[in-house]
Amino acid sequence: MYLKSRLQEFRNIGFFRSYFILGILCLSIAFLIYSNWVTSRLERETAEFSKMLANFTAQLSSIADKETSDAARAIIDSLEFPFIVTDANGQPVIARGIGGGLREKMQAGTLTSEDRKKINKIIEKMDKNHKPITMKGVLTEEGRAILGYFYFNQIKWSLDESSSLVVTDIDDRPFLWQNIQEVEANPFQQKGTEIADKDRVALREFVLKSKRLNYVNTLQFNPTPETAYFHYGRSGLIHQIRWWIPLAQMILVATFNVIGIISYQKMKHNEQQAVWAGLAKETAHQLGTPISSLMGWLEILQDQEGSKENKDVYKDMQNDVKRLKSITDRFGEIGSMPKRVLLDVSEVIHNAVVYFQKRLPNRQKHVEIIEDHQIVPKVEANENLMQWVIENLIRNSLDAIERDNGKIHIRTQLDPKNKNVMIVYSDNGKGIPRKKRRKVFLPGYSSKKHGWGLGLAIVKRIIEGYHGGNISIVNSGPEGTTFIITLPAAIDNN
């Protein structure tokens, strides 16, 4: 009952693993959908900001005041905002954030034909996402110059003869003023004419006071405005939101999935290991008592005289009891780390075959076991468990062979490249369907109606878990099945 319950748990491992993976995928999809919604919302808001920034940038050329224009350009230069300004003929004039050193080449006037093609492709991509903005103003700072400053002491809708004002050059040297305390009005300060010290002090105080009150305007020369087109793309933030954040999320989710699956498989593997050991020890314990009792009764029978027929029966019974004890020893060994010694694997296989050949005539169909052993190095193995491997394979073959002329072929050979001893086991049974080949080694899986599904699972555990080898199905079909077992060879003892 205990064994059946544990096997049922093993059968459910695939279901729970699928449920775990499905749950992780559902959570990942939900997380990505939510992230995509947040990303789309941020993208819309950032797109509106980009459009607003583009309109602001496009209006820079129409700002008459050079100082204000320079301050605005400094703000724009501090932002990661790609744009290209082209003149009325479509030639690039100003650019930013387009990469490849194109902006520097544009400023230096060293653009090649290949560079222009790249810029045109960038413009096409920008125009595909955003309609270009028409702008009119001064495209470059060349020819734009500050001539001086205009200082006044009050704000009116218009200045008149009663207004106090001072006009200076770019170094704040006055050359025109009116209504400045007792300073005589001077329409234009003649070149080379000195201003009296008291007048200079009065004019200087007026300029400083106007600066403090911000009553000052810039006098500058602006070239003729030109028509141009402002092309702009998405900001770097949108690019990061659209591509890098989802990519990072996918990597994190994939990493979490991998760690989760590996941890789950490791947990189940450890659980299976514990169950294996528990089942094996419990089986050995349960069989040990009746076998010891049977051996005692056999010793009593041996001391009694009887007919030759009884002696033959006694001998067969003794062999079967020894067989039972051998099976009990196997379960005891599989429940712990078995002792391994150097063995001739061909001889171990032969002993297992001899045991079965005595019982083959009792079967309804004829099955022939053919051995083909080459000279191979010894392997470090447990004889009892290796015989169990061969016996389980033979039992499976006998159940799978449905034709009258059944054949089982066992061959040993050396794989010198990988220094392994290979056991090639094949039969002409009905084969294993391709979709079920990965399941045949799982505990609890059986194609037989009343099978326990432990035979090949025990084989895999003995070969891979205890002997560091490998077993795999290399071919299976209507003509039969072929297994290959590899065991590390003790080359030094060849």
Protein backbone atom coordinates (compact mmCIF):
# COMPACT_ATOMS: atom_id res chain seq x y z
CA MET A 1 0.00 0.00 0.00
CA TYR A 2 2.85 2.34 0.89
CA LEU A 3 4.61 1.49 -2.38
CA LYS A 4 1.50 2.18 -4.45
CA SER A 5 0.96 5.55 -2.76
CA ARG A 6 4.55 6.63 -3.41
CA LEU A 7 4.34 5.52 -7.03
CA GLN A 8 1.17 7.54 -7.45
CA GLU A 9 3.10 10.56 -6.18
CA PHE A 10 5.79 9.89 -8.76
CA ARG A 11 3.13 9.77 -11.49
CA ASN A 12 1.90 13.17 -10.32
CA ILE A 13 5.35 14.77 -10.53
CA GLY A 14 4.85 15.57 -14.22
CA PHE A 15 1.47 17.16 -13.46
CA PHE A 16 2.83 19.33 -10.64
CA ARG A 17 5.83 20.35 -12.71
CA SER A 18 3.55 21.36 -15.59
CA TYR A 19 1.28 23.20 -13.14
CA PHE A 20 4.29 25.04 -11.68
CA ILE A 21 5.60 26.05 -15.11
CA LEU A 22 2.11 27.10 -16.26
CA GLY A 23 1.67 29.20 -13.13
CA ILE A 24 5.00 30.94 -13.64
CA LEU A 25 4.15 31.62 -17.29
CA CYS A 26 0.72 33.04 -16.37
CA LEU A 27 2.29 35.33 -13.77
CA SER A 28 4.97 36.36 -16.25
CA ILE A 29 2.39 37.16 -18.93
CA ALA A 30 0.28 39.15 -16.46
CA PHE A 31 3.38 41.03 -15.30
CA LEU A 32 4.40 41.81 -18.88
CA ILE A 33 0.87 42.93 -19.83
CA TYR A 34 0.77 45.30 -16.86
CA SER A 35 4.27 46.56 -17.62
CA ASN A 36 3.28 47.10 -21.25
CA TRP A 37 0.24 49.11 -20.13
CA VAL A 38 2.42 51.28 -17.88
CA THR A 39 4.96 51.61 -20.68
CA SER A 40 2.30 52.66 -23.18
CA ARG A 41 0.96 55.26 -20.77
CA LEU A 42 4.43 56.63 -20.08
CA GLU A 43 5.12 56.64 -23.80
CA ARG A 44 2.00 58.71 -24.50
CA GLU A 45 2.92 61.21 -21.80
CA THR A 46 6.52 61.36 -22.96
CA ALA A 47 5.36 61.77 -26.57
CA GLU A 48 3.26 64.79 -25.51
CA PHE A 49 6.26 66.19 -23.68
CA SER A 50 8.43 65.61 -26.76
CA LYS A 51 5.92 67.43 -28.93
CA MET A 52 5.80 70.36 -26.51
CA LEU A 53 9.60 70.41 -26.36
CA ALA A 54 9.77 70.28 -30.14
CA ASN A 55 7.46 73.28 -30.48
CA PHE A 56 9.51 75.17 -27.90
CA THR A 57 12.74 74.33 -29.69
CA ALA A 58 11.26 75.30 -33.04
CA GLN A 59 10.39 78.74 -31.68
CA LEU A 60 13.94 79.46 -30.51
CA SER A 61 14.85 80.92 -33.87
CA SER A 62 12.06 83.50 -33.60
CA ILE A 63 13.25 84.84 -30.21
CA ALA A 64 14.59 88.30 -30.91
CA ASP A 65 16.57 88.68 -27.72
CA LYS A 66 19.91 86.91 -28.09
CA GLU A 67 20.50 86.43 -24.37
CA THR A 68 17.09 84.81 -23.92
CA SER A 69 17.72 82.69 -27.00
CA ASP A 70 21.10 81.55 -25.65
CA ALA A 71 19.56 80.61 -22.29
CA ALA A 72 16.83 78.62 -24.01
CA ARG A 73 19.38 76.81 -26.18
CA ALA A 74 21.37 75.89 -23.07
CA ILE A 75 18.24 74.27 -21.66
CA ILE A 76 17.61 72.35 -24.88
CA ASP A 77 21.23 71.18 -25.05
CA SER A 78 20.95 69.69 -21.56
CA LEU A 79 18.07 67.41 -22.66
CA GLU A 80 18.34 64.13 -24.56
CA PHE A 81 16.13 65.19 -27.42
CA PRO A 82 17.00 64.26 -31.04
CA PHE A 83 16.05 66.76 -33.76
CA ILE A 84 17.20 68.03 -37.15
CA VAL A 85 16.43 71.44 -38.67
CA THR A 86 16.43 71.67 -42.45
CA ASP A 87 16.20 74.79 -44.57
CA ALA A 88 13.64 75.45 -47.29
CA ASN A 89 15.71 73.29 -49.69
CA GLY A 90 15.80 70.31 -47.33
CA GLN A 91 19.45 70.73 -46.39
CA PRO A 92 20.32 70.01 -42.74
CA VAL A 93 21.33 73.12 -40.83
CA ILE A 94 21.14 72.24 -37.13
CA ALA A 95 20.96 68.85 -35.41
CA ARG A 96 21.22 67.24 -32.02
CA GLY A 97 21.16 63.71 -30.60
CA ILE A 98 21.51 61.93 -33.97
CA GLY A 99 24.79 60.13 -33.13
CA GLY A 100 27.65 59.05 -35.35
CA GLY A 101 29.39 62.43 -35.03
CA LEU A 102 26.99 63.83 -37.65
CA ARG A 103 26.22 66.96 -35.64
CA GLU A 104 29.90 67.83 -35.30
CA LYS A 105 30.47 67.28 -39.02
CA MET A 106 27.45 69.45 -39.79
CA GLN A 107 28.83 72.26 -37.63
CA ALA A 108 32.24 71.94 -39.27
CA GLY A 109 30.76 71.74 -42.77
CA THR A 110 32.48 68.40 -43.51
CA LEU A 111 29.45 66.22 -44.28
CA THR A 112 30.10 63.58 -46.94
CA SER A 113 27.50 62.16 -49.35
CA GLU A 114 27.29 59.05 -47.17
CA ASP A 115 26.66 61.22 -44.10
CA ARG A 116 23.88 63.06 -45.92
CA LYS A 117 22.24 59.73 -46.80
CA LYS A 118 22.33 58.75 -43.14
CA ILE A 119 20.79 62.08 -42.12
CA ASN A 120 18.06 61.70 -44.74
CA LYS A 121 17.19 58.25 -43.39
CA ILE A 122 17.01 59.66 -39.87
CA ILE A 123 14.72 62.46 -41.09
CA GLU A 124 12.45 59.95 -42.83
CA LYS A 125 12.20 57.92 -39.64
CA MET A 126 11.45 61.03 -37.57
CA ASP A 127 8.78 62.25 -40.01
CA LYS A 128 7.17 58.81 -39.96
CA ASN A 129 6.49 59.17 -36.22
CA HIS A 130 6.00 62.96 -36.00
CA LYS A 131 4.91 65.54 -38.51
CA PRO A 132 7.66 68.16 -39.01
CA ILE A 133 7.00 71.64 -37.59
CA THR A 134 7.33 74.66 -39.89
CA MET A 135 9.41 77.40 -38.31
CA LYS A 136 10.46 80.92 -39.37
CA GLY A 137 13.32 82.83 -37.86
CA VAL A 138 17.10 83.00 -37.59
CA LEU A 139 18.47 79.49 -38.19
CA THR A 140 22.05 80.13 -37.11
CA GLU A 141 23.75 82.53 -34.76
CA GLU A 142 26.04 83.81 -37.52
CA GLY A 143 25.44 87.53 -38.19
CA ARG A 144 23.41 87.88 -35.00
CA ALA A 145 25.11 90.40 -32.70
CA ILE A 146 24.37 92.42 -29.54
CA LEU A 147 25.05 96.13 -30.14
CA GLY A 148 24.40 97.46 -26.64
CA TYR A 149 21.88 97.93 -23.83
CA PHE A 150 18.95 100.24 -23.20
CA TYR A 151 18.42 101.26 -19.53
CA PHE A 152 15.34 103.05 -18.19
CA ASN A 153 13.78 103.79 -14.81
CA GLN A 154 10.07 103.10 -15.26
CA ILE A 155 7.70 100.98 -17.25
CA LYS A 156 5.31 102.75 -19.54
CA TRP A 157 3.37 101.84 -22.61
CA SER A 158 5.75 104.13 -24.50
CA LEU A 159 8.72 106.33 -23.73
CA ASP A 160 8.51 110.10 -24.23
CA GLU A 161 10.60 113.21 -23.64
CA SER A 162 10.08 113.00 -19.88
CA SER A 163 11.45 109.48 -19.60
CA SER A 164 14.87 108.90 -18.13
CA LEU A 165 17.09 106.54 -20.12
CA VAL A 166 20.67 105.61 -20.88
CA VAL A 167 21.94 103.74 -23.94
CA THR A 168 25.35 102.01 -23.67
CA ASP A 169 27.52 99.83 -25.82
CA ILE A 170 28.26 96.16 -24.94
CA ASP A 171 30.82 97.32 -22.34
CA ASP A 172 28.23 99.54 -20.58
CA ARG A 173 29.85 102.76 -21.81
CA PRO A 174 27.06 105.33 -22.25
CA PHE A 175 26.76 107.12 -25.56
CA LEU A 176 23.15 108.38 -25.35
CA TRP A 177 21.05 109.61 -22.38
CA GLN A 178 18.30 111.99 -21.30
CA ASN A 179 16.73 113.22 -18.07
CA ILE A 180 19.54 111.90 -15.85
CA GLN A 181 19.56 114.18 -12.77
CA GLU A 182 21.67 117.25 -13.63
CA VAL A 183 23.47 115.60 -16.52
CA GLU A 184 22.90 117.55 -19.67
CA ALA A 185 21.02 115.66 -22.33
CA ASN A 186 23.30 114.45 -25.11
CA PRO A 187 21.75 112.89 -28.21
CA PHE A 188 24.98 111.11 -29.07
CA GLN A 189 28.27 111.09 -27.21
CA GLN A 190 30.84 112.16 -29.73
CA LYS A 191 33.77 109.82 -30.20
CA GLY A 192 36.78 111.10 -28.35
CA THR A 193 34.74 113.43 -26.18
CA GLU A 194 35.29 112.88 -22.49
CA ILE A 195 32.39 112.76 -20.03
CA ALA A 196 32.78 114.77 -16.89
CA ASP A 197 33.48 112.76 -13.78
CA LYS A 198 30.32 113.83 -12.00
CA ASP A 199 28.25 112.98 -15.10
CA ARG A 200 29.93 109.60 -15.40
CA VAL A 201 29.10 108.82 -11.76
CA ALA A 202 25.47 109.85 -12.24
CA LEU A 203 25.12 107.76 -15.39
CA ARG A 204 26.78 104.80 -13.69
CA GLU A 205 24.39 104.94 -10.72
CA PHE A 206 21.40 105.10 -13.09
CA VAL A 207 22.65 102.00 -14.99
CA LEU A 208 23.22 100.04 -11.79
CA LYS A 209 19.80 100.97 -10.43
CA SER A 210 18.14 99.93 -13.70
CA LYS A 211 19.97 96.62 -13.61
CA ARG A 212 18.75 95.93 -10.10
CA LEU A 213 15.17 96.67 -11.18
CA ASN A 214 15.71 94.73 -14.42
CA TYR A 215 14.74 97.80 -16.42
CA VAL A 216 16.98 96.91 -19.35
CA ASN A 217 16.61 95.81 -22.96
CA THR A 218 19.16 94.42 -25.37
CA LEU A 219 19.96 96.22 -28.59
CA GLN A 220 20.91 93.65 -31.23
CA PHE A 221 21.09 93.01 -34.94
CA ASN A 222 19.14 90.04 -36.37
CA PRO A 223 19.65 88.65 -39.90
CA THR A 224 16.69 88.20 -42.22
CA PRO A 225 14.35 85.40 -40.96
CA GLU A 226 14.26 82.18 -42.99
CA THR A 227 11.72 79.39 -43.41
CA ALA A 228 12.81 76.00 -42.10
CA TYR A 229 11.43 72.66 -40.93
CA PHE A 230 11.91 71.11 -37.53
CA HIS A 231 12.11 67.27 -37.56
CA TYR A 232 12.17 65.49 -34.20
CA GLY A 233 12.15 61.98 -32.84
CA ARG A 234 11.40 60.22 -29.60
CA SER A 235 13.40 61.10 -26.54
CA GLY A 236 15.89 58.61 -25.12
CA LEU A 237 13.49 57.85 -22.27
CA ILE A 238 10.86 56.50 -24.69
CA HIS A 239 13.45 54.29 -26.35
CA GLN A 240 14.51 52.89 -22.99
CA ILE A 241 10.93 52.33 -21.89
CA ARG A 242 9.92 50.66 -25.15
CA TRP A 243 12.90 48.30 -25.53
CA TRP A 244 15.20 48.02 -22.54
CA ILE A 245 12.64 47.72 -19.74
CA PRO A 246 10.65 44.87 -21.41
CA LEU A 247 13.93 43.17 -22.29
CA ALA A 248 15.14 43.44 -18.70
CA GLN A 249 11.79 42.11 -17.50
CA MET A 250 11.99 39.13 -19.84
CA ILE A 251 15.52 38.33 -18.67
CA LEU A 252 14.46 38.55 -15.02
CA VAL A 253 11.38 36.39 -15.62
CA ALA A 254 13.40 33.84 -17.59
CA THR A 255 16.03 33.74 -14.85
CA PHE A 256 13.35 33.28 -12.21
CA ASN A 257 11.75 30.50 -14.26
CA VAL A 258 15.04 28.67 -14.72
CA ILE A 259 15.95 28.96 -11.03
CA GLY A 260 12.45 27.87 -10.03
CA ILE A 261 12.43 24.85 -12.34
CA ILE A 262 15.93 23.76 -11.32
CA SER A 263 15.03 24.14 -7.64
CA TYR A 264 11.81 22.20 -8.13
CA GLN A 265 13.56 19.40 -9.99
CA LYS A 266 16.29 19.27 -7.36
CA MET A 267 13.69 19.09 -4.62
CA LYS A 268 11.82 16.28 -6.36
CA HIS A 269 15.06 14.46 -7.09
CA ASN A 270 16.04 14.57 -3.42
CA GLU A 271 12.58 13.38 -2.48
CA GLN A 272 12.84 10.50 -4.94
CA GLN A 273 16.24 9.59 -3.58
CA ALA A 274 14.82 9.42 -0.07
CA VAL A 275 11.83 7.37 -1.24
CA TRP A 276 14.10 4.99 -3.14
CA ALA A 277 16.25 4.41 -0.10
CA GLY A 278 13.22 4.02 2.15
CA LEU A 279 11.46 1.57 -0.16
CA ALA A 280 14.59 -0.48 -0.66
CA LYS A 281 15.42 -0.74 3.05
CA GLU A 282 11.82 -1.51 3.97
CA THR A 283 11.59 -4.23 1.29
CA ALA A 284 14.86 -5.78 2.41
CA HIS A 285 13.65 -5.69 6.01
CA GLN A 286 10.29 -7.27 5.21
CA LEU A 287 11.83 -10.04 3.10
CA GLY A 288 14.66 -10.73 5.51
CA THR A 289 12.59 -12.41 8.23
CA PRO A 290 10.66 -14.99 6.10
CA ILE A 291 13.78 -15.82 4.09
CA SER A 292 15.76 -16.48 7.25
CA SER A 293 12.93 -18.73 8.42
CA LEU A 294 12.88 -20.62 5.10
CA MET A 295 16.61 -21.14 5.24
CA GLY A 296 16.23 -22.59 8.72
CA TRP A 297 13.54 -25.03 7.56
CA LEU A 298 15.75 -26.06 4.65
CA GLU A 299 18.55 -26.95 7.04
CA ILE A 300 16.11 -29.13 8.97
CA LEU A 301 15.00 -30.86 5.76
CA GLN A 302 18.61 -31.42 4.77
CA ASP A 303 19.23 -33.42 7.95
CA GLN A 304 16.31 -35.73 7.20
CA GLU A 305 16.61 -38.68 4.87
CA GLY A 306 14.34 -38.85 1.85
CA SER A 307 13.94 -40.10 -1.69
CA LYS A 308 16.02 -38.82 -4.61
CA GLU A 309 13.00 -36.92 -5.86
CA ASN A 310 12.67 -35.11 -2.55
CA LYS A 311 16.37 -34.28 -2.62
CA ASP A 312 15.94 -32.72 -6.08
CA VAL A 313 13.00 -30.70 -4.85
CA TYR A 314 15.04 -29.67 -1.83
CA LYS A 315 17.90 -28.52 -4.09
CA ASP A 316 15.56 -26.42 -6.25
CA MET A 317 13.99 -24.92 -3.15
CA GLN A 318 17.44 -24.11 -1.80
CA ASN A 319 18.39 -22.36 -5.05
CA ASP A 320 15.17 -20.33 -5.01
CA VAL A 321 15.72 -19.31 -1.40
CA LYS A 322 19.26 -18.24 -2.28
CA ARG A 323 17.76 -16.27 -5.13
CA LEU A 324 15.36 -14.57 -2.75
CA LYS A 325 18.23 -13.72 -0.44
CA SER A 326 20.15 -12.28 -3.37
CA ILE A 327 17.16 -10.07 -4.23
CA THR A 328 16.92 -8.98 -0.60
CA ASP A 329 20.62 -8.07 -0.65
CA ARG A 330 20.02 -6.01 -3.79
CA PHE A 331 17.33 -3.95 -2.12
CA GLY A 332 19.58 -3.45 0.86
CA GLU A 333 22.39 -2.23 -1.38
CA ILE A 334 20.18 0.10 -3.46
CA GLY A 335 18.98 1.71 -0.24
CA SER A 336 22.53 2.80 0.56
CA MET A 337 25.81 3.38 -1.25
CA PRO A 338 26.78 -0.10 -2.56
CA LYS A 339 30.31 -1.46 -2.45
CA ARG A 340 32.04 -1.59 -5.85
CA VAL A 341 34.95 -3.72 -6.98
CA LEU A 342 36.74 -4.33 -10.28
CA LEU A 343 34.65 -6.72 -12.38
CA ASP A 344 34.61 -8.25 -15.82
CA VAL A 345 31.27 -6.91 -17.06
CA SER A 346 31.05 -9.63 -19.74
CA GLU A 347 31.19 -12.33 -17.07
CA VAL A 348 28.49 -10.57 -14.99
CA ILE A 349 26.24 -10.41 -18.06
CA HIS A 350 26.87 -14.09 -18.83
CA ASN A 351 25.87 -15.17 -15.29
CA ALA A 352 22.60 -13.24 -15.58
CA VAL A 353 21.90 -14.78 -18.99
CA VAL A 354 22.56 -18.31 -17.68
CA TYR A 355 19.98 -17.76 -14.92
CA PHE A 356 17.31 -16.81 -17.45
CA GLN A 357 18.18 -19.48 -20.01
CA LYS A 358 17.16 -22.14 -17.49
CA ARG A 359 13.69 -20.60 -17.34
CA LEU A 360 13.13 -19.75 -21.01
CA PRO A 361 11.88 -23.27 -21.98
CA ASN A 362 8.96 -22.79 -19.61
CA ARG A 363 7.64 -19.89 -21.71
CA GLN A 364 5.17 -20.41 -24.54
CA LYS A 365 7.25 -18.56 -27.16
CA HIS A 366 10.82 -19.25 -28.18
CA VAL A 367 13.31 -16.54 -27.24
CA GLU A 368 17.02 -16.81 -27.96
CA ILE A 369 19.61 -14.82 -26.01
CA ILE A 370 22.79 -14.18 -28.00
CA GLU A 371 25.97 -12.94 -26.36
CA ASP A 372 28.79 -11.21 -28.23
CA HIS A 373 31.55 -10.11 -25.89
CA GLN A 374 34.75 -8.39 -26.93
CA ILE A 375 37.80 -8.09 -24.73
CA VAL A 376 37.13 -4.99 -22.66
CA PRO A 377 38.71 -3.42 -19.56
CA LYS A 378 37.26 -4.13 -16.16
CA VAL A 379 34.86 -1.70 -14.57
CA GLU A 380 34.38 -0.68 -10.97
CA ALA A 381 30.91 -2.03 -10.23
CA ASN A 382 28.67 -3.96 -7.85
CA GLU A 383 28.09 -7.45 -9.25
CA ASN A 384 24.73 -7.98 -7.61
CA LEU A 385 23.29 -4.70 -8.92
CA MET A 386 24.75 -5.12 -12.43
CA GLN A 387 23.11 -8.54 -12.70
CA TRP A 388 19.88 -6.89 -11.63
CA VAL A 389 20.25 -4.43 -14.53
CA ILE A 390 20.57 -7.20 -17.11
CA GLU A 391 17.75 -9.22 -15.57
CA ASN A 392 15.37 -6.25 -15.66
CA LEU A 393 16.22 -5.56 -19.30
CA ILE A 394 15.65 -9.21 -20.20
CA ARG A 395 12.29 -9.24 -18.37
CA ASN A 396 11.15 -6.18 -20.28
CA SER A 397 12.23 -7.79 -23.55
CA LEU A 398 10.36 -11.01 -22.77
CA ASP A 399 7.19 -8.97 -22.17
CA ALA A 400 7.72 -6.91 -25.35
CA ILE A 401 8.48 -9.83 -27.70
CA GLU A 402 5.25 -11.00 -29.29
CA ARG A 403 6.63 -13.03 -32.20
CA ASP A 404 7.50 -16.74 -32.02
CA ASN A 405 11.18 -16.32 -32.89
CA GLY A 406 12.23 -13.78 -30.31
CA LYS A 407 15.83 -12.65 -30.09
CA ILE A 408 17.82 -10.76 -27.50
CA HIS A 409 21.33 -9.66 -28.42
CA ILE A 410 23.84 -8.43 -25.82
CA ARG A 411 27.20 -7.11 -26.93
CA THR A 412 30.08 -5.57 -24.98
CA GLN A 413 32.70 -3.38 -26.61
CA LEU A 414 35.20 -0.63 -25.80
CA ASP A 415 34.75 3.04 -26.65
CA PRO A 416 38.45 4.08 -26.72
CA LYS A 417 37.69 7.73 -27.43
CA ASN A 418 35.73 8.26 -24.19
CA LYS A 419 37.41 5.38 -22.28
CA ASN A 420 34.06 3.70 -21.63
CA VAL A 421 32.85 0.13 -21.70
CA MET A 422 29.69 -0.08 -23.78
CA ILE A 423 26.90 -2.63 -23.37
CA VAL A 424 24.71 -2.70 -26.48
CA TYR A 425 21.44 -4.44 -25.63
CA SER A 426 18.82 -5.03 -28.33
CA ASP A 427 15.71 -7.15 -28.87
CA ASN A 428 13.12 -7.64 -31.60
CA GLY A 429 10.12 -6.71 -29.48
CA LYS A 430 7.29 -4.35 -30.35
CA GLY A 431 9.34 -1.23 -29.54
CA ILE A 432 8.61 1.93 -27.57
CA PRO A 433 6.62 4.83 -29.11
CA ARG A 434 8.77 7.93 -29.62
CA LYS A 435 6.62 10.15 -27.38
CA LYS A 436 6.97 7.68 -24.51
CA ARG A 437 10.72 7.10 -24.66
CA ARG A 438 11.50 9.85 -22.14
CA LYS A 439 8.95 8.45 -19.70
CA VAL A 440 10.07 4.81 -19.56
CA PHE A 441 12.82 5.63 -17.03
CA LEU A 442 10.45 7.49 -14.69
CA PRO A 443 9.41 5.67 -11.50
CA GLY A 444 5.82 4.50 -11.71
CA TYR A 445 5.51 4.63 -15.50
CA SER A 446 4.52 1.32 -17.09
CA SER A 447 2.94 0.33 -20.39
CA LYS A 448 1.67 -2.89 -18.83
CA LYS A 449 -1.78 -2.93 -17.24
CA HIS A 450 -0.60 -4.29 -13.89
CA GLY A 451 3.01 -3.10 -14.03
CA TRP A 452 4.68 -1.21 -11.22
CA GLY A 453 6.89 0.84 -13.51
CA LEU A 454 10.06 0.23 -11.49
CA GLY A 455 12.16 -1.99 -13.77
CA LEU A 456 13.80 0.59 -16.04
CA ALA A 457 13.75 3.19 -13.25
CA ILE A 458 15.88 0.86 -11.12
CA VAL A 459 18.15 0.22 -14.11
CA LYS A 460 18.72 3.96 -14.62
CA ARG A 461 19.36 4.53 -10.94
CA ILE A 462 21.90 1.69 -10.74
CA ILE A 463 23.76 2.73 -13.89
CA GLU A 464 23.77 6.51 -13.46
CA GLY A 465 23.33 6.97 -9.72
CA TYR A 466 25.68 4.28 -8.41
CA HIS A 467 28.12 3.61 -11.25
CA GLY A 468 28.51 7.03 -12.91
CA GLY A 469 27.45 5.64 -16.26
CA ASN A 470 24.67 6.37 -18.71
CA ILE A 471 21.80 4.46 -20.30
CA SER A 472 19.79 5.63 -23.30
CA ILE A 473 17.47 4.36 -26.00
CA VAL A 474 19.22 4.82 -29.34
CA ASN A 475 16.64 3.12 -31.51
CA SER A 476 13.13 1.77 -31.07
CA GLY A 477 10.46 0.74 -33.52
CA PRO A 478 8.35 -2.20 -34.72
CA GLU A 479 11.56 -4.16 -35.37
CA GLY A 480 12.76 -3.82 -31.79
CA THR A 481 14.55 -1.65 -29.28
CA THR A 482 18.23 -0.94 -28.65
CA PHE A 483 19.67 0.34 -25.38
CA ILE A 484 23.25 1.49 -24.91
CA ILE A 485 24.83 1.41 -21.48
CA THR A 486 28.18 3.11 -20.91
CA LEU A 487 30.34 2.55 -17.83
CA PRO A 488 33.68 4.23 -17.01
CA ALA A 489 36.46 1.79 -17.81
CA ALA A 490 39.32 1.08 -15.41
CA ILE A 491 41.92 1.42 -18.18
CA ASP A 492 44.88 0.86 -15.86
CA ASN A 493 43.52 -2.60 -15.07
CA ASN A 494 43.04 -3.63 -18.70
